[in-house]
C-alpha atoms as a PDB file:
ATOM      1  CA  MET A   1     -67.065  88.177 -15.252  1.00  0.00           C
ATOM      2  CA  PHE A   2     -63.578  87.755 -14.454  1.00  0.00           C
ATOM      3  CA  GLU A   3     -62.917  86.362 -18.326  1.00  0.00           C
ATOM      4  CA  VAL A   4     -64.548  89.647 -19.572  1.00  0.00           C
ATOM      5  CA  ILE A   5     -62.142  91.999 -17.383  1.00  0.00           C
ATOM      6  CA  ARG A   6     -59.397  89.596 -18.254  1.00  0.00           C
ATOM      7  CA  LYS A   7     -59.989  90.180 -22.432  1.00  0.00           C
ATOM      8  CA  TRP A   8     -60.559  94.099 -21.739  1.00  0.00           C
ATOM      9  CA  HIS A   9     -57.179  94.062 -20.120  1.00  0.00           C
ATOM     10  CA  GLU A  10     -55.548  92.029 -23.104  1.00  0.00           C
ATOM     11  CA  ARG A  11     -57.155  94.193 -25.256  1.00  0.00           C
ATOM     12  CA  ARG A  12     -55.866  97.276 -23.548  1.00  0.00           C
ATOM     13  CA  VAL A  13     -52.512  95.982 -23.412  1.00  0.00           C
ATOM     14  CA  LEU A  14     -52.485  95.212 -27.467  1.00  0.00           C
ATOM     15  CA  ARG A  15     -53.700  98.980 -27.664  1.00  0.00           C
ATOM     16  CA  ARG A  16     -50.865 100.731 -25.539  1.00  0.00           C
ATOM     17  CA  ALA A  17     -47.858  98.340 -26.213  1.00  0.00           C
ATOM     18  CA  ALA A  18     -46.220  97.309 -29.377  1.00  0.00           C
ATOM     19  CA  LEU A  19     -42.918  95.485 -30.684  1.00  0.00           C
ATOM     20  CA  PRO A  20     -41.124  97.561 -33.039  1.00  0.00           C
ATOM     21  CA  ASP A  21     -41.258  96.112 -36.710  1.00  0.00           C
ATOM     22  CA  GLU A  22     -37.437  95.586 -37.279  1.00  0.00           C
ATOM     23  CA  LEU A  23     -36.814  93.701 -33.622  1.00  0.00           C
ATOM     24  CA  TRP A  24     -39.843  91.309 -34.467  1.00  0.00           C
ATOM     25  CA  ARG A  25     -38.555  90.621 -37.895  1.00  0.00           C
ATOM     26  CA  GLU A  26     -35.141  90.225 -36.426  1.00  0.00           C
ATOM     27  CA  ALA A  27     -36.331  87.683 -33.706  1.00  0.00           C
ATOM     28  CA  VAL A  28     -38.827  85.693 -35.935  1.00  0.00           C
ATOM     29  CA  GLY A  29     -35.558  85.291 -38.452  1.00  0.00           C
ATOM     30  CA  ALA A  30     -33.389  83.819 -35.937  1.00  0.00           C
ATOM     31  CA  GLN A  31     -35.462  81.157 -35.535  1.00  0.00           C
ATOM     32  CA  PRO A  32     -35.848  78.622 -38.612  1.00  0.00           C
ATOM     33  CA  PHE A  33     -38.318  76.809 -37.382  1.00  0.00           C
ATOM     34  CA  LEU A  34     -40.846  79.676 -37.826  1.00  0.00           C
ATOM     35  CA  ALA A  35     -40.469  79.460 -41.325  1.00  0.00           C
ATOM     36  CA  ILE A  36     -43.237  77.243 -41.663  1.00  0.00           C
ATOM     37  CA  TYR A  37     -45.835  79.471 -40.011  1.00  0.00           C
ATOM     38  CA  THR A  38     -48.337  81.661 -42.021  1.00  0.00           C
ATOM     39  CA  GLU A  39     -48.263  85.566 -41.712  1.00  0.00           C
ATOM     40  CA  ALA A  40     -51.852  85.342 -39.979  1.00  0.00           C
ATOM     41  CA  GLU A  41     -49.912  83.072 -37.319  1.00  0.00           C
ATOM     42  CA  LEU A  42     -47.230  84.910 -36.820  1.00  0.00           C
ATOM     43  CA  ALA A  43     -49.320  88.231 -36.262  1.00  0.00           C
ATOM     44  CA  ARG A  44     -51.247  86.114 -33.616  1.00  0.00           C
ATOM     45  CA  LEU A  45     -47.859  85.055 -32.085  1.00  0.00           C
ATOM     46  CA  ARG A  46     -46.998  88.430 -32.280  1.00  0.00           C
ATOM     47  CA  GLU A  47     -49.700  89.637 -30.158  1.00  0.00           C
ATOM     48  CA  LYS A  48     -49.100  86.754 -27.889  1.00  0.00           C
ATOM     49  CA  VAL A  49     -45.648  87.923 -27.139  1.00  0.00           C
ATOM     50  CA  VAL A  50     -46.824  91.402 -26.346  1.00  0.00           C
ATOM     51  CA  LEU A  51     -49.243  89.843 -23.607  1.00  0.00           C
ATOM     52  CA  PHE A  52     -46.457  87.852 -22.524  1.00  0.00           C
ATOM     53  CA  LEU A  53     -43.734  90.511 -22.135  1.00  0.00           C
ATOM     54  CA  SER A  54     -46.496  92.949 -20.281  1.00  0.00           C
ATOM     55  CA  ALA A  55     -46.821  90.374 -17.610  1.00  0.00           C
ATOM     56  CA  LYS A  56     -43.428  88.897 -17.462  1.00  0.00           C
ATOM     57  CA  SER A  57     -39.900  90.083 -16.245  1.00  0.00           C
ATOM     58  CA  ILE A  58     -37.071  88.581 -18.151  1.00  0.00           C
ATOM     59  CA  VAL A  59     -34.075  89.588 -16.066  1.00  0.00           C
ATOM     60  CA  GLY A  60     -30.388  88.915 -16.304  1.00  0.00           C
ATOM     61  CA  ALA A  61     -28.058  87.177 -13.653  1.00  0.00           C
ATOM     62  CA  ALA A  62     -24.456  86.868 -12.764  1.00  0.00           C
ATOM     63  CA  GLY A  63     -23.729  89.820 -14.788  1.00  0.00           C
ATOM     64  CA  HIS A  64     -25.646  88.629 -18.107  1.00  0.00           C
ATOM     65  CA  VAL A  65     -27.505  91.756 -19.421  1.00  0.00           C
ATOM     66  CA  VAL A  66     -30.466  90.771 -21.391  1.00  0.00           C
ATOM     67  CA  THR A  67     -31.118  92.876 -24.873  1.00  0.00           C
ATOM     68  CA  PRO A  68     -34.579  93.422 -26.235  1.00  0.00           C
ATOM     69  CA  LEU A  69     -33.882  91.242 -28.933  1.00  0.00           C
ATOM     70  CA  GLN A  70     -33.216  88.253 -26.296  1.00  0.00           C
ATOM     71  CA  ARG A  71     -35.955  89.348 -24.635  1.00  0.00           C
ATOM     72  CA  THR A  72     -38.023  88.750 -27.630  1.00  0.00           C
ATOM     73  CA  ILE A  73     -36.444  85.374 -28.831  1.00  0.00           C
ATOM     74  CA  ILE A  74     -37.170  84.220 -25.282  1.00  0.00           C
ATOM     75  CA  ALA A  75     -40.770  85.292 -25.455  1.00  0.00           C
ATOM     76  CA  LEU A  76     -41.450  84.235 -29.026  1.00  0.00           C
ATOM     77  CA  GLN A  77     -40.521  80.707 -28.334  1.00  0.00           C
ATOM     78  CA  ALA A  78     -42.482  80.637 -25.176  1.00  0.00           C
ATOM     79  CA  CYS A  79     -45.874  81.864 -26.880  1.00  0.00           C
ATOM     80  CA  VAL A  80     -45.408  79.203 -29.544  1.00  0.00           C
ATOM     81  CA  LEU A  81     -46.792  76.720 -27.354  1.00  0.00           C
ATOM     82  CA  VAL A  82     -49.872  78.914 -26.693  1.00  0.00           C
ATOM     83  CA  LEU A  83     -50.518  80.067 -30.111  1.00  0.00           C
ATOM     84  CA  ASN A  84     -53.612  78.606 -30.238  1.00  0.00           C
ATOM     85  CA  LEU A  85     -54.087  78.189 -26.298  1.00  0.00           C
ATOM     86  CA  ASP A  86     -54.956  80.565 -23.044  1.00  0.00           C
ATOM     87  CA  VAL A  87     -51.882  82.385 -22.486  1.00  0.00           C
ATOM     88  CA  ALA A  88     -53.247  82.645 -18.855  1.00  0.00           C
ATOM     89  CA  LEU A  89     -51.095  78.823 -18.673  1.00  0.00           C
ATOM     90  CA  TYR A  90     -48.470  80.871 -17.663  1.00  0.00           C
ATOM     91  CA  ASP A  91     -50.112  82.629 -14.876  1.00  0.00           C
ATOM     92  CA  ASP A  92     -48.624  80.756 -11.931  1.00  0.00           C
ATOM     93  CA  PHE A  93     -45.271  83.145 -12.560  1.00  0.00           C
ATOM     94  CA  GLU A  94     -43.590  86.177 -13.195  1.00  0.00           C
ATOM     95  CA  ASN A  95     -39.890  85.843 -13.646  1.00  0.00           C
ATOM     96  CA  ILE A  96     -37.728  84.280 -16.356  1.00  0.00           C
ATOM     97  CA  ILE A  97     -33.670  84.706 -15.448  1.00  0.00           C
ATOM     98  CA  VAL A  98     -31.366  84.542 -17.905  1.00  0.00           C
ATOM     99  CA  TYR A  99     -27.454  83.351 -17.087  1.00  0.00           C
ATOM    100  CA  PRO A 100     -24.379  83.945 -19.130  1.00  0.00           C
ATOM    101  CA  GLY A 101     -23.999  80.150 -19.380  1.00  0.00           C
ATOM    102  CA  GLU A 102     -24.820  77.108 -17.414  1.00  0.00           C
ATOM    103  CA  PHE A 103     -25.660  77.508 -13.671  1.00  0.00           C
ATOM    104  CA  LEU A 104     -25.668  75.785 -10.588  1.00  0.00           C
ATOM    105  CA  PRO A 105     -28.604  75.077  -8.756  1.00  0.00           C
ATOM    106  CA  GLY A 106     -27.591  74.907  -5.371  1.00  0.00           C
ATOM    107  CA  ARG A 107     -30.868  73.224  -4.185  1.00  0.00           C
ATOM    108  CA  GLU A 108     -30.572  71.099  -1.121  1.00  0.00           C
ATOM    109  CA  TRP A 109     -33.260  68.638  -0.270  1.00  0.00           C
ATOM    110  CA  GLU A 110     -34.150  65.919   2.684  1.00  0.00           C
ATOM    111  CA  ASP A 111     -34.584  62.171   1.748  1.00  0.00           C
ATOM    112  CA  GLU A 112     -37.052  60.066   3.604  1.00  0.00           C
ATOM    113  CA  PHE A 113     -33.876  58.983   6.004  1.00  0.00           C
ATOM    114  CA  GLY A 114     -33.640  62.645   6.759  1.00  0.00           C
ATOM    115  CA  VAL A 115     -30.295  62.729   5.000  1.00  0.00           C
ATOM    116  CA  VAL A 116     -29.420  66.250   3.325  1.00  0.00           C
ATOM    117  CA  HIS A 117     -28.459  66.207  -0.417  1.00  0.00           C
ATOM    118  CA  ARG A 118     -27.197  69.055  -2.423  1.00  0.00           C
ATOM    119  CA  ASP A 119     -27.856  69.457  -6.269  1.00  0.00           C
ATOM    120  CA  ASP A 120     -24.710  70.482  -7.668  1.00  0.00           C
ATOM    121  CA  GLY A 121     -24.667  69.570 -11.360  1.00  0.00           C
ATOM    122  CA  ALA A 122     -24.530  72.623 -13.873  1.00  0.00           C
ATOM    123  CA  LEU A 123     -27.793  73.011 -15.869  1.00  0.00           C
ATOM    124  CA  ALA A 124     -28.967  75.048 -18.951  1.00  0.00           C
ATOM    125  CA  GLY A 125     -32.381  75.570 -17.759  1.00  0.00           C
ATOM    126  CA  GLU A 126     -34.805  74.963 -14.937  1.00  0.00           C
ATOM    127  CA  ALA A 127     -38.599  75.535 -14.470  1.00  0.00           C
ATOM    128  CA  MET A 128     -39.750  75.839 -10.783  1.00  0.00           C
ATOM    129  CA  GLU A 129     -43.070  75.088  -9.604  1.00  0.00           C
ATOM    130  CA  GLY A 130     -44.722  78.283  -8.714  1.00  0.00           C
ATOM    131  CA  GLY A 131     -41.282  80.049  -9.469  1.00  0.00           C
ATOM    132  CA  PRO A 132     -39.269  81.113 -12.206  1.00  0.00           C
ATOM    133  CA  VAL A 133     -37.955  79.695 -15.720  1.00  0.00           C
ATOM    134  CA  THR A 134     -34.018  79.842 -15.536  1.00  0.00           C
ATOM    135  CA  LEU A 135     -32.175  79.823 -18.757  1.00  0.00           C
ATOM    136  CA  SER A 136     -28.667  79.800 -20.187  1.00  0.00           C
ATOM    137  CA  TRP A 137     -28.408  81.973 -22.886  1.00  0.00           C
ATOM    138  CA  PRO A 138     -25.490  80.343 -24.944  1.00  0.00           C
ATOM    139  CA  ASP A 139     -27.948  77.539 -24.630  1.00  0.00           C
ATOM    140  CA  VAL A 140     -31.071  79.502 -25.938  1.00  0.00           C
ATOM    141  CA  GLU A 141     -28.757  80.921 -29.046  1.00  0.00           C
ATOM    142  CA  ALA A 142     -27.613  77.378 -29.975  1.00  0.00           C
ATOM    143  CA  SER A 143     -31.011  76.178 -29.860  1.00  0.00           C
ATOM    144  CA  ALA A 144     -31.760  78.162 -33.247  1.00  0.00           C
ATOM    145  CA  ASP A 145     -29.622  75.274 -34.908  1.00  0.00           C
ATOM    146  CA  TRP A 146     -32.256  72.436 -34.498  1.00  0.00           C
ATOM    147  CA  ASP A 147     -30.052  70.090 -36.950  1.00  0.00           C
ATOM    148  CA  ALA A 148     -26.687  70.848 -34.722  1.00  0.00           C
ATOM    149  CA  THR A 149     -28.106  70.525 -31.288  1.00  0.00           C
ATOM    150  CA  GLY A 150     -31.528  68.285 -31.413  1.00  0.00           C
ATOM    151  CA  MET A 151     -32.610  70.850 -28.727  1.00  0.00           C
ATOM    152  CA  ASN A 152     -34.910  73.951 -28.122  1.00  0.00           C
ATOM    153  CA  LEU A 153     -34.484  74.862 -24.564  1.00  0.00           C
ATOM    154  CA  VAL A 154     -37.208  77.330 -24.196  1.00  0.00           C
ATOM    155  CA  ILE A 155     -39.633  75.148 -25.472  1.00  0.00           C
ATOM    156  CA  HIS A 156     -38.771  72.447 -23.554  1.00  0.00           C
ATOM    157  CA  GLU A 157     -38.823  74.551 -19.958  1.00  0.00           C
ATOM    158  CA  PHE A 158     -42.022  76.280 -21.160  1.00  0.00           C
ATOM    159  CA  ALA A 159     -43.383  72.510 -21.687  1.00  0.00           C
ATOM    160  CA  HIS A 160     -42.596  72.053 -18.276  1.00  0.00           C
ATOM    161  CA  LYS A 161     -44.448  75.016 -17.035  1.00  0.00           C
ATOM    162  CA  ILE A 162     -47.862  73.878 -18.817  1.00  0.00           C
ATOM    163  CA  ASP A 163     -47.291  70.411 -17.485  1.00  0.00           C
ATOM    164  CA  MET A 164     -46.800  71.659 -14.017  1.00  0.00           C
ATOM    165  CA  ARG A 165     -50.364  73.258 -14.274  1.00  0.00           C
ATOM    166  CA  GLY A 166     -51.605  69.936 -13.812  1.00  0.00           C
ATOM    167  CA  GLY A 167     -50.102  69.432 -10.549  1.00  0.00           C
ATOM    168  CA  HIS A 168     -46.889  67.645 -10.978  1.00  0.00           C
ATOM    169  CA  VAL A 169     -44.203  67.611 -13.519  1.00  0.00           C
ATOM    170  CA  ASN A 170     -45.227  64.020 -14.939  1.00  0.00           C
ATOM    171  CA  GLY A 171     -45.977  64.522 -18.367  1.00  0.00           C
ATOM    172  CA  CYS A 172     -50.001  65.062 -17.951  1.00  0.00           C
ATOM    173  CA  PRO A 173     -50.953  68.904 -18.550  1.00  0.00           C
ATOM    174  CA  PRO A 174     -54.412  69.914 -17.871  1.00  0.00           C
ATOM    175  CA  LEU A 175     -56.223  68.551 -20.513  1.00  0.00           C
ATOM    176  CA  PRO A 176     -59.134  69.513 -23.000  1.00  0.00           C
ATOM    177  CA  PRO A 177     -62.443  68.148 -22.796  1.00  0.00           C
ATOM    178  CA  ASP A 178     -61.605  66.205 -26.415  1.00  0.00           C
ATOM    179  CA  ILE A 179     -58.877  64.245 -24.709  1.00  0.00           C
ATOM    180  CA  SER A 180     -59.641  61.619 -22.214  1.00  0.00           C
ATOM    181  CA  PRO A 181     -57.045  61.448 -19.664  1.00  0.00           C
ATOM    182  CA  LEU A 182     -57.042  57.279 -19.904  1.00  0.00           C
ATOM    183  CA  GLN A 183     -56.208  57.978 -23.751  1.00  0.00           C
ATOM    184  CA  TRP A 184     -53.445  60.427 -22.968  1.00  0.00           C
ATOM    185  CA  GLN A 185     -51.907  58.389 -20.220  1.00  0.00           C
ATOM    186  CA  LYS A 186     -51.961  55.289 -22.699  1.00  0.00           C
ATOM    187  CA  THR A 187     -50.456  56.864 -25.317  1.00  0.00           C
ATOM    188  CA  LEU A 188     -47.739  59.051 -23.967  1.00  0.00           C
ATOM    189  CA  GLN A 189     -46.945  55.712 -21.395  1.00  0.00           C
ATOM    190  CA  ASP A 190     -46.701  53.089 -24.421  1.00  0.00           C
ATOM    191  CA  ALA A 191     -44.150  55.982 -26.188  1.00  0.00           C
ATOM    192  CA  TYR A 192     -42.198  56.226 -23.388  1.00  0.00           C
ATOM    193  CA  ASP A 193     -41.889  52.287 -22.432  1.00  0.00           C
ATOM    194  CA  ASP A 194     -40.897  51.960 -26.252  1.00  0.00           C
ATOM    195  CA  PHE A 195     -38.325  54.812 -26.246  1.00  0.00           C
ATOM    196  CA  CYS A 196     -36.876  53.589 -23.076  1.00  0.00           C
ATOM    197  CA  ARG A 197     -36.825  50.104 -24.353  1.00  0.00           C
ATOM    198  CA  ARG A 198     -34.971  51.366 -27.420  1.00  0.00           C
ATOM    199  CA  VAL A 199     -32.292  53.508 -25.729  1.00  0.00           C
ATOM    200  CA  ASP A 200     -31.267  50.988 -22.595  1.00  0.00           C
ATOM    201  CA  GLY A 201     -31.066  48.824 -25.763  1.00  0.00           C
ATOM    202  CA  GLY A 202     -28.085  51.096 -27.069  1.00  0.00           C
ATOM    203  CA  GLU A 203     -30.307  52.219 -30.138  1.00  0.00           C
ATOM    204  CA  ASP A 204     -28.994  55.736 -31.373  1.00  0.00           C
ATOM    205  CA  THR A 205     -32.157  57.845 -31.554  1.00  0.00           C
ATOM    206  CA  ALA A 206     -32.946  60.816 -33.443  1.00  0.00           C
ATOM    207  CA  ILE A 207     -34.895  61.925 -30.453  1.00  0.00           C
ATOM    208  CA  ASP A 208     -32.632  63.207 -27.539  1.00  0.00           C
ATOM    209  CA  PRO A 209     -32.146  60.096 -25.046  1.00  0.00           C
ATOM    210  CA  TYR A 210     -32.646  62.570 -22.259  1.00  0.00           C
ATOM    211  CA  ALA A 211     -36.355  61.740 -23.082  1.00  0.00           C
ATOM    212  CA  CYS A 212     -36.017  58.975 -21.112  1.00  0.00           C
ATOM    213  CA  GLU A 213     -35.258  60.369 -17.855  1.00  0.00           C
ATOM    214  CA  ASP A 214     -38.856  60.274 -16.361  1.00  0.00           C
ATOM    215  CA  PRO A 215     -42.526  60.881 -18.297  1.00  0.00           C
ATOM    216  CA  GLY A 216     -42.023  64.666 -17.835  1.00  0.00           C
ATOM    217  CA  GLU A 217     -39.069  65.015 -19.578  1.00  0.00           C
ATOM    218  CA  PHE A 218     -40.304  62.769 -22.266  1.00  0.00           C
ATOM    219  CA  PHE A 219     -43.525  65.430 -22.902  1.00  0.00           C
ATOM    220  CA  ALA A 220     -40.725  68.211 -22.459  1.00  0.00           C
ATOM    221  CA  VAL A 221     -38.491  66.838 -25.002  1.00  0.00           C
ATOM    222  CA  LEU A 222     -41.403  65.434 -27.472  1.00  0.00           C
ATOM    223  CA  SER A 223     -42.684  69.030 -27.401  1.00  0.00           C
ATOM    224  CA  GLU A 224     -39.436  70.383 -28.437  1.00  0.00           C
ATOM    225  CA  VAL A 225     -39.976  67.849 -31.580  1.00  0.00           C
ATOM    226  CA  PHE A 226     -43.336  68.619 -32.271  1.00  0.00           C
ATOM    227  CA  PHE A 227     -42.488  72.017 -32.935  1.00  0.00           C
ATOM    228  CA  ALA A 228     -39.173  72.004 -34.204  1.00  0.00           C
ATOM    229  CA  ASP A 229     -38.781  68.762 -35.956  1.00  0.00           C
ATOM    230  CA  PRO A 230     -42.616  67.932 -36.610  1.00  0.00           C
ATOM    231  CA  MET A 231     -41.978  65.325 -39.235  1.00  0.00           C
ATOM    232  CA  LEU A 232     -39.615  63.524 -37.314  1.00  0.00           C
ATOM    233  CA  LEU A 233     -42.121  62.935 -34.414  1.00  0.00           C
ATOM    234  CA  GLN A 234     -44.737  62.187 -36.865  1.00  0.00           C
ATOM    235  CA  ASN A 235     -42.477  59.203 -38.075  1.00  0.00           C
ATOM    236  CA  GLU A 236     -41.255  58.012 -34.649  1.00  0.00           C
ATOM    237  CA  TYR A 237     -44.380  58.443 -32.713  1.00  0.00           C
ATOM    238  CA  GLY A 238     -47.480  59.239 -34.909  1.00  0.00           C
ATOM    239  CA  THR A 239     -50.172  58.380 -31.749  1.00  0.00           C
ATOM    240  CA  VAL A 240     -48.208  61.009 -29.608  1.00  0.00           C
ATOM    241  CA  TYR A 241     -47.940  63.528 -32.807  1.00  0.00           C
ATOM    242  CA  GLN A 242     -51.585  63.434 -33.425  1.00  0.00           C
ATOM    243  CA  LEU A 243     -52.250  63.815 -29.433  1.00  0.00           C
ATOM    244  CA  PHE A 244     -50.127  66.431 -29.260  1.00  0.00           C
ATOM    245  CA  THR A 245     -51.962  68.289 -32.408  1.00  0.00           C
ATOM    246  CA  THR A 246     -55.309  68.094 -30.257  1.00  0.00           C
ATOM    247  CA  PHE A 247     -53.591  69.563 -27.278  1.00  0.00           C
ATOM    248  CA  TYR A 248     -51.567  72.097 -28.740  1.00  0.00           C
ATOM    249  CA  ARG A 249     -54.136  73.177 -31.354  1.00  0.00           C
ATOM    250  CA  GLN A 250     -51.346  73.081 -33.974  1.00  0.00           C
ATOM    251  CA  ASP A 251     -50.502  70.566 -36.977  1.00  0.00           C
ATOM    252  CA  PRO A 252     -46.810  71.598 -37.745  1.00  0.00           C
ATOM    253  CA  GLY A 253     -46.655  68.665 -39.999  1.00  0.00           C
ATOM    254  CA  ALA A 254     -49.160  70.054 -42.017  1.00  0.00           C
ATOM    255  CA  ARG A 255     -47.356  73.293 -42.191  1.00  0.00           C
ATOM    256  CA  VAL A 256     -44.452  71.633 -43.349  1.00  0.00           C
ATOM    257  CA  ALA A 257     -46.197  69.877 -45.806  1.00  0.00           C
ATOM    258  CA  LEU A 258     -47.633  72.989 -47.253  1.00  0.00           C
ATOM    259  CA  LEU A 259     -44.606  74.916 -47.426  1.00  0.00           C
ATOM    260  CA  THR A 260     -42.896  71.793 -49.490  1.00  0.00           C
ATOM    261  CA  GLU A 261     -46.001  72.123 -52.041  1.00  0.00           C
ATOM    262  CA  ARG A 262     -45.116  76.017 -52.892  1.00  0.00           C
END
């Protein structure tokens, strides 16, 4: 019954809400990695974005004013991950906070010995368990140039949000029935161990070495690569790529091949 009500609500939102054509075209055009998507896929992505924006508040902080284009660009990239999944994966939070630059989280935490620590390092993005996603707009904007930055901040943070639905940020999100937890864990762990060995050995890797930080960051960084530079992931860690095609229900590498043939 709940599912029926939810689907009815989604149809109602799609009937009543819309994105202006010019705004949508500008947002899509600002993300070169979307050039491999078909018109049908972009139409479905647009519906996901409408649903996302109807449920989320995207607000500025520290004087930053979020424009309609910025809202659409953020929502669009967040919805790329759930294009063929349920947007309900994002139901555990409501707010996206956008700063005019990197921000200080200012978190305090107590270790096992009772010593209180404070996180004072500046961040470009953060996904909080049960809380908001926080983004630096200049870093979101810079992510459009993958060749220059090798990052996609929005995809990274929203991959963390999906990961969190599995209970912890550990690189193991809720899995569909056709992926066994053992298969997922072994494939990701083997790739993670190999990548860390390469980075620790001083190799200059095409994939951001930040992926070495922990398995959760490995999953988020490789999700960025999967969508923004699929052939890189396919070449570096083909078994992870194949697992991601099953998990995300998308095959961006096949889109690249099809676009090349045209």
